[in-house]
C-alpha atoms as a PDB file:
ATOM      1  CA  SER A   1       0.073  -0.373  -0.098  1.00  0.00           C
ATOM      2  CA  THR A   2       2.830   2.284   0.839  1.00  0.00           C
ATOM      3  CA  CYS A   3       4.558   1.681  -2.061  1.00  0.00           C
ATOM      4  CA  ALA A   4       1.804   2.121  -4.252  1.00  0.00           C
ATOM      5  CA  ALA A   5       0.964   5.596  -2.862  1.00  0.00           C
ATOM      6  CA  VAL A   6       5.003   6.400  -4.012  1.00  0.00           C
ATOM      7  CA  TYR A   7       4.770   5.160  -7.387  1.00  0.00           C
ATOM      8  CA  LYS A   8       1.429   7.324  -7.676  1.00  0.00           C
ATOM      9  CA  ALA A   9       2.517  10.538  -6.202  1.00  0.00           C
ATOM     10  CA  ILE A  10       6.302  10.466  -7.927  1.00  0.00           C
ATOM     11  CA  ARG A  11       4.915   8.812 -11.358  1.00  0.00           C
ATOM     12  CA  LEU A  12       1.190  10.062 -11.028  1.00  0.00           C
ATOM     13  CA  GLY A  13       1.348  13.152  -8.759  1.00  0.00           C
ATOM     14  CA  GLN A  14      -1.650  11.799  -8.004  1.00  0.00           C
ATOM     15  CA  PRO A  15      -2.247  12.715  -4.082  1.00  0.00           C
ATOM     16  CA  LEU A  16      -2.872  10.052  -1.163  1.00  0.00           C
ATOM     17  CA  VAL A  17      -7.021  10.582  -1.095  1.00  0.00           C
ATOM     18  CA  GLU A  18      -7.479   6.218  -0.640  1.00  0.00           C
ATOM     19  CA  ARG A  19      -5.623   3.524   0.886  1.00  0.00           C
ATOM     20  CA  ILE A  20      -6.319   0.315   1.647  1.00  0.00           C
ATOM     21  CA  VAL A  21      -8.518  -1.044   4.845  1.00  0.00           C
ATOM     22  CA  THR A  22      -8.939  -5.012   5.783  1.00  0.00           C
ATOM     23  CA  ILE A  23     -12.612  -4.738   7.404  1.00  0.00           C
ATOM     24  CA  ASN A  24     -13.018  -8.475   9.875  1.00  0.00           C
ATOM     25  CA  GLY A  25     -14.411  -9.266  12.245  1.00  0.00           C
ATOM     26  CA  ALA A  26     -17.029 -11.569  13.385  1.00  0.00           C
ATOM     27  CA  ALA A  27     -19.625  -8.921  13.643  1.00  0.00           C
ATOM     28  CA  VAL A  28     -18.743  -8.813   9.845  1.00  0.00           C
ATOM     29  CA  ALA A  29     -20.896 -10.738   6.892  1.00  0.00           C
ATOM     30  CA  GLU A  30     -18.406 -10.262   4.437  1.00  0.00           C
ATOM     31  CA  PRO A  31     -14.747  -9.581   5.559  1.00  0.00           C
ATOM     32  CA  GLY A  32     -11.880  -8.690   2.905  1.00  0.00           C
ATOM     33  CA  ASN A  33      -9.821  -5.857   1.354  1.00  0.00           C
ATOM     34  CA  ILE A  34     -11.694  -3.114  -0.427  1.00  0.00           C
ATOM     35  CA  PHE A  35      -9.589   0.161  -1.284  1.00  0.00           C
ATOM     36  CA  ALA A  36     -11.583   3.015   0.964  1.00  0.00           C
ATOM     37  CA  PRO A  37     -11.141   7.045   0.141  1.00  0.00           C
ATOM     38  CA  LEU A  38      -9.918   8.942   3.290  1.00  0.00           C
ATOM     39  CA  GLY A  39     -11.956  10.602   5.082  1.00  0.00           C
ATOM     40  CA  CYS A  40     -14.921   7.790   4.964  1.00  0.00           C
ATOM     41  CA  LEU A  41     -17.044   7.326   7.427  1.00  0.00           C
ATOM     42  CA  VAL A  42     -15.973   3.965   9.256  1.00  0.00           C
ATOM     43  CA  ASP A  43     -19.975   3.264   9.710  1.00  0.00           C
ATOM     44  CA  ASP A  44     -20.659   3.382   5.744  1.00  0.00           C
ATOM     45  CA  LEU A  45     -17.146   1.059   5.047  1.00  0.00           C
ATOM     46  CA  LEU A  46     -18.848  -1.396   7.686  1.00  0.00           C
ATOM     47  CA  ALA A  47     -23.045  -1.225   5.868  1.00  0.00           C
ATOM     48  CA  TYR A  48     -20.368  -1.851   2.700  1.00  0.00           C
ATOM     49  CA  CYS A  49     -18.798  -5.008   3.707  1.00  0.00           C
ATOM     50  CA  GLY A  50     -22.781  -6.026   5.955  1.00  0.00           C
ATOM     51  CA  LEU A  51     -22.950  -6.874   9.506  1.00  0.00           C
ATOM     52  CA  LYS A  52     -24.370  -9.671  10.918  1.00  0.00           C
ATOM     53  CA  GLU A  53     -24.916  -8.155  14.531  1.00  0.00           C
ATOM     54  CA  VAL A  54     -24.063  -4.885  16.431  1.00  0.00           C
ATOM     55  CA  PRO A  55     -21.092  -4.654  16.657  1.00  0.00           C
ATOM     56  CA  ALA A  56     -19.970  -4.266  20.651  1.00  0.00           C
ATOM     57  CA  ARG A  57     -16.217  -2.961  19.703  1.00  0.00           C
ATOM     58  CA  LEU A  58     -14.963  -1.111  17.019  1.00  0.00           C
ATOM     59  CA  ILE A  59     -11.235  -0.914  16.820  1.00  0.00           C
ATOM     60  CA  LEU A  60      -9.527   1.577  14.422  1.00  0.00           C
ATOM     61  CA  GLY A  61      -6.307  -0.134  13.223  1.00  0.00           C
ATOM     62  CA  GLY A  62      -5.048  -3.676  14.581  1.00  0.00           C
ATOM     63  CA  PRO A  63      -6.114  -5.884  17.270  1.00  0.00           C
ATOM     64  CA  MET A  64      -2.152  -4.903  19.286  1.00  0.00           C
ATOM     65  CA  MET A  65      -2.114  -1.504  18.437  1.00  0.00           C
ATOM     66  CA  GLY A  66      -5.478   0.033  16.684  1.00  0.00           C
ATOM     67  CA  THR A  67      -7.605   2.925  18.761  1.00  0.00           C
ATOM     68  CA  LEU A  68     -10.727   2.125  20.125  1.00  0.00           C
ATOM     69  CA  LEU A  69     -14.087   3.796  18.615  1.00  0.00           C
ATOM     70  CA  LEU A  70     -17.321   3.841  20.613  1.00  0.00           C
ATOM     71  CA  HIS A  71     -18.915   4.482  17.551  1.00  0.00           C
ATOM     72  CA  GLY A  72     -18.809   4.874  13.636  1.00  0.00           C
ATOM     73  CA  ARG A  73     -18.732   8.322  12.710  1.00  0.00           C
ATOM     74  CA  VAL A  74     -15.112   8.625  12.976  1.00  0.00           C
ATOM     75  CA  PRO A  75     -13.224   9.109   9.477  1.00  0.00           C
ATOM     76  CA  LEU A  76     -11.122   7.191   7.981  1.00  0.00           C
ATOM     77  CA  VAL A  77      -7.527   8.178   8.170  1.00  0.00           C
ATOM     78  CA  LYS A  78      -4.044   7.726   6.076  1.00  0.00           C
ATOM     79  CA  GLY A  79      -2.709   5.717   8.565  1.00  0.00           C
ATOM     80  CA  ALA A  80      -5.008   3.315   9.478  1.00  0.00           C
ATOM     81  CA  SER A  81      -5.179   0.218   8.165  1.00  0.00           C
ATOM     82  CA  GLY A  82      -8.014  -1.505   9.385  1.00  0.00           C
ATOM     83  CA  ILE A  83     -11.209  -1.531  10.889  1.00  0.00           C
ATOM     84  CA  LEU A  84     -12.809  -4.338  12.991  1.00  0.00           C
ATOM     85  CA  ALA A  85     -16.143  -4.811  14.150  1.00  0.00           C
ATOM     86  CA  PHE A  86     -15.988  -7.529  17.719  1.00  0.00           C
ATOM     87  CA  THR A  87     -19.017  -8.972  18.486  1.00  0.00           C
ATOM     88  CA  ALA A  88     -19.636 -10.029  22.057  1.00  0.00           C
ATOM     89  CA  ALA A  89     -17.999 -13.274  23.163  1.00  0.00           C
ATOM     90  CA  GLU A  90     -14.860 -11.595  20.878  1.00  0.00           C
ATOM     91  CA  ALA A  91     -15.006  -8.426  22.957  1.00  0.00           C
ATOM     92  CA  ALA A  92     -14.912 -10.094  25.808  1.00  0.00           C
ATOM     93  CA  VAL A  93     -11.885  -9.009  28.162  1.00  0.00           C
ATOM     94  CA  PRO A  94     -10.701 -11.754  30.660  1.00  0.00           C
ATOM     95  CA  GLU A  95     -10.617 -11.439  34.692  1.00  0.00           C
ATOM     96  CA  ALA A  96      -6.974 -10.507  35.247  1.00  0.00           C
ATOM     97  CA  GLY A  97      -4.749 -12.419  37.409  1.00  0.00           C
ATOM     98  CA  PRO A  98      -2.013 -11.797  40.159  1.00  0.00           C
ATOM     99  CA  CYS A  99       1.521 -11.614  38.097  1.00  0.00           C
ATOM    100  CA  ILE A 100       3.262 -15.813  38.621  1.00  0.00           C
ATOM    101  CA  ARG A 101       6.514 -13.601  37.141  1.00  0.00           C
ATOM    102  CA  CYS A 102       6.568 -16.194  34.506  1.00  0.00           C
ATOM    103  CA  GLY A 103       9.300 -13.870  32.227  1.00  0.00           C
ATOM    104  CA  SER A 104       7.013 -14.186  29.068  1.00  0.00           C
ATOM    105  CA  CYS A 105       6.048 -10.175  29.180  1.00  0.00           C
ATOM    106  CA  THR A 106       9.915  -9.834  28.773  1.00  0.00           C
ATOM    107  CA  ARG A 107      10.606 -12.113  26.626  1.00  0.00           C
ATOM    108  CA  ALA A 108       8.031 -10.709  23.856  1.00  0.00           C
ATOM    109  CA  CYS A 109       9.010  -7.185  24.225  1.00  0.00           C
ATOM    110  CA  PRO A 110      10.775  -6.074  21.505  1.00  0.00           C
ATOM    111  CA  MET A 111      12.273  -3.285  23.018  1.00  0.00           C
ATOM    112  CA  GLY A 112      13.946  -5.567  25.743  1.00  0.00           C
ATOM    113  CA  LEU A 113      11.952  -3.927  28.445  1.00  0.00           C
ATOM    114  CA  LEU A 114      10.723  -5.219  31.815  1.00  0.00           C
ATOM    115  CA  PRO A 115       7.240  -5.047  32.401  1.00  0.00           C
ATOM    116  CA  LEU A 116       6.279  -7.012  34.959  1.00  0.00           C
ATOM    117  CA  GLU A 117       8.842  -3.968  36.699  1.00  0.00           C
ATOM    118  CA  MET A 118       7.534  -1.530  35.540  1.00  0.00           C
ATOM    119  CA  ALA A 119       3.143  -2.457  35.827  1.00  0.00           C
ATOM    120  CA  ALA A 120       4.649  -3.304  39.859  1.00  0.00           C
ATOM    121  CA  HIS A 121       5.482   0.261  40.334  1.00  0.00           C
ATOM    122  CA  ILE A 122       2.557   1.787  38.603  1.00  0.00           C
ATOM    123  CA  ARG A 123       0.521  -0.473  40.887  1.00  0.00           C
ATOM    124  CA  ALA A 124       2.278   1.412  43.497  1.00  0.00           C
ATOM    125  CA  GLY A 125       2.410   4.472  42.592  1.00  0.00           C
ATOM    126  CA  ASP A 126       5.719   5.282  42.307  1.00  0.00           C
ATOM    127  CA  LEU A 127       5.822   6.597  38.472  1.00  0.00           C
ATOM    128  CA  ASP A 128       9.579   8.018  39.501  1.00  0.00           C
ATOM    129  CA  GLY A 129      10.188   4.093  40.012  1.00  0.00           C
ATOM    130  CA  ALA A 130       7.885   2.708  36.705  1.00  0.00           C
ATOM    131  CA  VAL A 131      10.663   5.866  34.299  1.00  0.00           C
ATOM    132  CA  GLY A 132      13.305   4.329  35.974  1.00  0.00           C
ATOM    133  CA  TYR A 133      12.576   0.943  33.774  1.00  0.00           C
ATOM    134  CA  SER A 134      12.042   2.721  30.387  1.00  0.00           C
ATOM    135  CA  LEU A 135       8.834   3.370  30.904  1.00  0.00           C
ATOM    136  CA  SER A 136       9.335   6.338  27.567  1.00  0.00           C
ATOM    137  CA  ASP A 137      10.767   3.356  25.660  1.00  0.00           C
ATOM    138  CA  CYS A 138       7.121   1.326  25.324  1.00  0.00           C
ATOM    139  CA  ILE A 139       5.956   1.859  22.392  1.00  0.00           C
ATOM    140  CA  SER A 140       2.696   0.204  23.256  1.00  0.00           C
ATOM    141  CA  CYS A 141       2.757  -2.794  20.397  1.00  0.00           C
ATOM    142  CA  GLY A 142       0.891  -4.963  22.906  1.00  0.00           C
ATOM    143  CA  CYS A 143       2.719  -8.013  22.533  1.00  0.00           C
ATOM    144  CA  CYS A 144       3.401  -8.128  26.367  1.00  0.00           C
ATOM    145  CA  ALA A 145      -0.454  -7.989  27.101  1.00  0.00           C
ATOM    146  CA  TYR A 146      -1.260 -10.462  24.276  1.00  0.00           C
ATOM    147  CA  VAL A 147       1.275 -13.250  26.170  1.00  0.00           C
ATOM    148  CA  CYS A 148      -0.065 -12.748  29.905  1.00  0.00           C
ATOM    149  CA  PRO A 149      -0.882 -15.549  31.044  1.00  0.00           C
ATOM    150  CA  SER A 150      -2.849 -13.756  33.990  1.00  0.00           C
ATOM    151  CA  HIS A 151      -4.418 -11.591  31.391  1.00  0.00           C
ATOM    152  CA  ILE A 152      -2.792  -8.421  32.678  1.00  0.00           C
ATOM    153  CA  PRO A 153      -3.775  -5.679  30.808  1.00  0.00           C
ATOM    154  CA  LEU A 154      -0.246  -4.079  31.067  1.00  0.00           C
ATOM    155  CA  VAL A 155      -0.548  -1.581  28.015  1.00  0.00           C
ATOM    156  CA  GLN A 156      -3.187  -0.096  29.993  1.00  0.00           C
ATOM    157  CA  TYR A 157      -1.249   0.573  33.463  1.00  0.00           C
ATOM    158  CA  PHE A 158       1.598   2.228  30.745  1.00  0.00           C
ATOM    159  CA  SER A 159      -0.453   4.449  29.306  1.00  0.00           C
ATOM    160  CA  HIS A 160      -2.072   5.805  32.382  1.00  0.00           C
ATOM    161  CA  ALA A 161       1.711   6.145  33.660  1.00  0.00           C
ATOM    162  CA  ARG A 162       2.328   8.232  30.447  1.00  0.00           C
ATOM    163  CA  GLY A 163      -0.681  10.016  30.422  1.00  0.00           C
ATOM    164  CA  GLU A 164      -0.308  11.167  34.395  1.00  0.00           C
ATOM    165  CA  LEU A 165       3.783  11.850  34.090  1.00  0.00           C
ATOM    166  CA  SER A 166       2.360  13.793  31.368  1.00  0.00           C
ATOM    167  CA  ALA A 167      -0.317  15.351  33.399  1.00  0.00           C
ATOM    168  CA  ARG A 168       2.612  16.095  35.630  1.00  0.00           C
ATOM    169  CA  GLU A 169       4.416  17.560  33.442  1.00  0.00           C
ATOM    170  CA  ARG A 170       2.154  20.448  32.775  1.00  0.00           C
ATOM    171  CA  ALA A 171       1.472  20.811  35.777  1.00  0.00           C
ATOM    172  CA  ARG A 172       4.603  22.446  36.306  1.00  0.00           C
ATOM    173  CA  LEU A 173       5.232  23.614  33.898  1.00  0.00           C
ATOM    174  CA  ARG A 174       2.426  25.945  34.399  1.00  0.00           C
ATOM    175  CA  THR A 175       3.970  26.324  38.320  1.00  0.00           C
ATOM    176  CA  GLU A 176       6.731  27.532  36.200  1.00  0.00           C
ATOM    177  CA  ALA A 177       5.011  29.407  34.352  1.00  0.00           C
ATOM    178  CA  GLY A 178       2.855  30.898  36.794  1.00  0.00           C
ATOM    179  CA  LYS A 179       5.906  31.760  39.100  1.00  0.00           C
ATOM    180  CA  ARG A 180       8.330  33.257  36.594  1.00  0.00           C
ATOM    181  CA  LEU A 181       4.573  35.803  36.005  1.00  0.00           C
ATOM    182  CA  ALA A 182       5.147  36.646  39.501  1.00  0.00           C
ATOM    183  CA  GLU A 183       8.315  37.544  39.675  1.00  0.00           C
ATOM    184  CA  ALA A 184       8.610  39.010  36.243  1.00  0.00           C
ATOM    185  CA  ARG A 185       5.306  41.281  37.790  1.00  0.00           C
ATOM    186  CA  LEU A 186       7.625  41.843  40.770  1.00  0.00           C
ATOM    187  CA  ALA A 187       9.756  43.102  39.513  1.00  0.00           C
ATOM    188  CA  ARG A 188       7.979  45.530  36.673  1.00  0.00           C
ATOM    189  CA  LEU A 189       5.541  46.829  39.646  1.00  0.00           C
ATOM    190  CA  GLU A 190       9.505  47.219  41.814  1.00  0.00           C
ATOM    191  CA  ARG A 191      10.983  49.760  38.083  1.00  0.00           C
ATOM    192  CA  ASP A 192       7.432  51.451  38.513  1.00  0.00           C
ATOM    193  CA  ALA A 193       8.511  52.659  41.677  1.00  0.00           C
ATOM    194  CA  ARG A 194      11.766  53.128  41.672  1.00  0.00           C
ATOM    195  CA  GLU A 195      10.940  55.581  38.251  1.00  0.00           C
ATOM    196  CA  LYS A 196       8.454  57.323  39.850  1.00  0.00           C
ATOM    197  CA  ALA A 197      10.841  57.774  42.683  1.00  0.00           C
ATOM    198  CA  GLU A 198      13.372  59.267  40.184  1.00  0.00           C
ATOM    199  CA  VAL A 199      10.744  61.294  39.128  1.00  0.00           C
ATOM    200  CA  ALA A 200       9.870  63.495  41.628  1.00  0.00           C
ATOM    201  CA  ALA A 201      13.357  63.261  42.800  1.00  0.00           C
ATOM    202  CA  ARG A 202      14.004  65.103  39.327  1.00  0.00           C
ATOM    203  CA  ARG A 203      11.394  66.915  39.382  1.00  0.00           C
ATOM    204  CA  LYS A 204      11.893  68.531  43.353  1.00  0.00           C
ATOM    205  CA  ALA A 205      14.886  69.024  42.584  1.00  0.00           C
ATOM    206  CA  GLU A 206      14.727  71.317  39.284  1.00  0.00           C
ATOM    207  CA  ARG A 207      12.118  73.221  41.206  1.00  0.00           C
ATOM    208  CA  THR A 208      14.280  74.205  43.994  1.00  0.00           C
ATOM    209  CA  ALA A 209      16.916  74.713  40.961  1.00  0.00           C
ATOM    210  CA  ALA A 210      14.054  77.131  39.830  1.00  0.00           C
ATOM    211  CA  LYS A 211      14.202  78.892  42.741  1.00  0.00           C
ATOM    212  CA  ALA A 212      17.392  79.560  43.557  1.00  0.00           C
ATOM    213  CA  ARG A 213      17.795  80.748  40.174  1.00  0.00           C
ATOM    214  CA  SER A 214      14.882  83.659  40.872  1.00  0.00           C
ATOM    215  CA  GLY A 215      16.282  84.532  43.850  1.00  0.00           C
ATOM    216  CA  THR A 216      13.382  83.421  45.820  1.00  0.00           C
ATOM    217  CA  VAL A 217      15.050  80.751  47.621  1.00  0.00           C
ATOM    218  CA  LYS A 218      16.042  82.057  51.522  1.00  0.00           C
ATOM    219  CA  PRO A 219      19.623  81.161  52.658  1.00  0.00           C
ATOM    220  CA  GLU A 220      18.785  79.013  54.982  1.00  0.00           C
ATOM    221  CA  GLU A 221      16.956  76.788  52.867  1.00  0.00           C
ATOM    222  CA  GLU A 222      20.109  77.124  50.399  1.00  0.00           C
ATOM    223  CA  THR A 223      22.600  75.435  53.223  1.00  0.00           C
ATOM    224  CA  THR A 224      20.018  73.077  54.198  1.00  0.00           C
END
């Protein structure tokens, strides 16, 4: 699909206006690969392929890294490779059990991370500890959660932790920005007060000099 899009763009001068999309899932009557125009609604593509029943879950993208859709009134974008329409049986999520530290997630991780350690720190509320295990290097591929025999939602843990860290960083930046604004305001007020005092002193000196030139200043005032 990417090679075809590059060929059309370079040789034919045609922009990317459509792409091949895989429509699949037990709720789809006729699954398959179709050419779909970008911007077409997910509901329209599902209607084109037909539905056996109302999908219990819609995913835009693949089963590992796709995005869960709350409804089908979402346009197709160039990065979407597929649409999955799951039935209630397919969408059922097994209940998560305790980690048995089997190491399956570690072996499956393409980034060489330790998902079990990161998840343990996140469950304990120690986000900094999870960062110490390279949480930021996680690509959310879902391999660890897929192979976990305890069905622990590891990807959700990591996404939640990154969201909390991002929120904490935004709060820190807002605090620092507010502090800088307060310091700038205080400096401006001090500068204005200093300038007003200098202007008042200069005007007083000018008035005194003017009185001295006109001879209206008393001798004792001149000595003082």
